[in-house]
Amino acid sequence: MISGAHSVIFSQDPEADRAFLRDVIGLPHVDVGHGWLIFGLPPAEVAVHPGENHRQEFYLMTDDVDSFVAAVRGAGASCAEIKDEGWGRLTVVTLPGGGDLGVYEPRHERPEAMS
C-alpha cells in the first residue's frame, strides 16, 4: 500500500539549503525542473510520540555522528554539540536558510525496511 515517504523542509533560502544537502551532506538528487531538487534518502522509519501541538520533526540518521559533525563543520556549517539522549547521540545542524536539521546516531532497535 505504501511505496515510500516524501518529506518537505520549508526554508527561507531553499537554493542554499538544496546546495547544502547536495554538496555537503552528499544526498543523491534529481532535478525535476527549474532547479527544483528532490533528494533520495536511505530507508526511513516513523515514530509517534505523545504531544499536544501536532508538530512533526525530521531527523537524518548516521552511523557515526562524530565523523558527521567533523565533516559538516569542515565544510563551514554550524552544528550543536553532540548530546547523548539515551536513544541516540544527537546534533542539530543549522541550515544555510536558518532552519535546524537534527542528525543522530541511533542506539534504539531499527525496524526492517519495507520492501
Protein backbone atom coordinates (compact mmCIF):
# COMPACT_ATOMS: atom_id res chain seq x y z
CA MET A 1 0.00 0.00 0.00
CA ILE A 2 2.78 2.50 0.91
CA SER A 3 5.67 2.74 -1.54
CA GLY A 4 7.77 5.47 0.09
CA ALA A 5 7.79 8.68 2.06
CA HIS A 6 8.23 12.28 0.94
CA SER A 7 9.47 14.81 3.46
CA VAL A 8 9.47 18.58 2.94
CA ILE A 9 11.82 21.12 4.53
CA PHE A 10 10.48 24.66 4.35
CA SER A 11 13.24 27.25 4.04
CA GLN A 12 13.82 31.00 3.78
CA ASP A 13 16.69 30.21 1.38
CA PRO A 14 15.79 26.99 -0.45
CA GLU A 15 18.60 27.28 -3.00
CA ALA A 16 21.24 27.42 -0.25
CA ASP A 17 19.64 24.53 1.65
CA ARG A 18 19.44 22.44 -1.54
CA ALA A 19 23.13 23.13 -2.18
CA PHE A 20 23.94 22.09 1.40
CA LEU A 21 22.05 18.80 1.09
CA ARG A 22 23.64 18.14 -2.32
CA ASP A 23 27.22 19.32 -1.75
CA VAL A 24 27.88 18.96 1.98
CA ILE A 25 25.74 16.01 3.01
CA GLY A 26 26.03 14.39 -0.43
CA LEU A 27 22.46 13.25 -0.89
CA PRO A 28 21.63 11.85 -4.33
CA HIS A 29 19.12 14.02 -6.16
CA VAL A 30 17.11 14.57 -9.28
CA ASP A 31 16.24 17.93 -10.83
CA VAL A 32 12.52 17.82 -11.57
CA GLY A 33 12.70 21.13 -13.41
CA HIS A 34 13.98 24.68 -12.95
CA GLY A 35 16.50 23.66 -10.25
CA TRP A 36 13.82 22.08 -8.07
CA LEU A 37 15.76 19.20 -6.49
CA ILE A 38 14.26 16.14 -4.85
CA PHE A 39 16.73 14.18 -2.71
CA GLY A 40 16.97 10.45 -2.22
CA LEU A 41 17.13 9.12 1.32
CA PRO A 42 18.11 5.78 2.80
CA PRO A 43 15.43 3.58 4.37
CA ALA A 44 13.36 5.53 6.86
CA GLU A 45 11.19 4.95 9.89
CA VAL A 46 8.42 6.89 11.58
CA ALA A 47 7.55 7.09 15.28
CA VAL A 48 4.53 8.55 17.06
CA HIS A 49 5.18 10.38 20.33
CA PRO A 50 2.69 11.96 22.72
CA GLY A 51 2.17 15.67 22.27
CA GLU A 52 -0.44 18.39 22.19
CA ASN A 53 0.64 20.67 19.36
CA HIS A 54 0.54 18.34 16.32
CA ARG A 55 4.12 19.13 15.30
CA GLN A 56 6.30 16.94 13.13
CA GLU A 57 10.07 16.66 13.29
CA PHE A 58 12.53 15.40 10.69
CA TYR A 59 15.84 13.78 11.58
CA LEU A 60 18.53 12.15 9.50
CA MET A 61 20.42 9.19 10.96
CA THR A 62 24.12 8.41 10.71
CA ASP A 63 26.30 5.51 11.79
CA ASP A 64 28.92 7.90 13.19
CA VAL A 65 27.73 11.30 14.46
CA ASP A 66 31.27 12.36 15.41
CA SER A 67 32.51 11.96 11.82
CA PHE A 68 29.36 13.64 10.50
CA VAL A 69 29.89 16.69 12.73
CA ALA A 70 33.56 16.92 11.76
CA ALA A 71 32.71 16.79 8.04
CA VAL A 72 29.90 19.34 8.27
CA ARG A 73 31.97 21.73 10.39
CA GLY A 74 34.84 21.24 7.94
CA ALA A 75 32.52 22.50 5.21
CA GLY A 76 31.85 25.63 7.27
CA ALA A 77 28.43 24.70 8.65
CA SER A 78 27.36 25.09 12.26
CA CYS A 79 26.49 22.05 14.41
CA ALA A 80 25.40 21.95 18.02
CA GLU A 81 27.47 19.94 20.46
CA ILE A 82 26.56 16.26 20.44
CA LYS A 83 24.14 15.27 23.20
CA ASP A 84 23.62 11.75 24.48
CA GLU A 85 19.85 11.35 24.63
CA GLY A 86 19.87 7.67 25.66
CA TRP A 87 18.09 6.57 22.48
CA GLY A 88 20.97 8.03 20.45
CA ARG A 89 23.62 10.72 20.12
CA LEU A 90 22.12 13.87 18.62
CA THR A 91 23.39 17.03 16.98
CA VAL A 92 21.49 19.82 15.30
CA VAL A 93 22.79 21.37 12.09
CA THR A 94 21.92 24.97 11.27
CA LEU A 95 20.98 25.02 7.59
CA PRO A 96 22.05 27.96 5.41
CA GLY A 97 18.39 29.04 5.20
CA GLY A 98 18.24 29.34 9.00
CA GLY A 99 16.35 26.14 9.78
CA ASP A 100 17.51 23.32 12.02
CA LEU A 101 18.08 19.71 10.98
CA GLY A 102 18.53 17.03 13.61
CA VAL A 103 21.05 14.28 12.87
CA TYR A 104 21.59 11.39 15.22
CA GLU A 105 23.38 8.11 15.71
CA PRO A 106 20.63 5.73 16.83
CA ARG A 107 21.04 3.34 19.74
CA HIS A 108 17.48 2.05 19.56
CA GLU A 109 16.41 -1.02 17.63
CA ARG A 110 15.66 -0.35 13.98
CA PRO A 111 12.67 -1.86 12.17
CA GLU A 112 13.12 -3.72 8.93
CA ALA A 113 12.64 -1.52 5.89
CA MET A 114 9.50 -2.09 3.85
CA SER A 115 10.12 -3.87 0.58
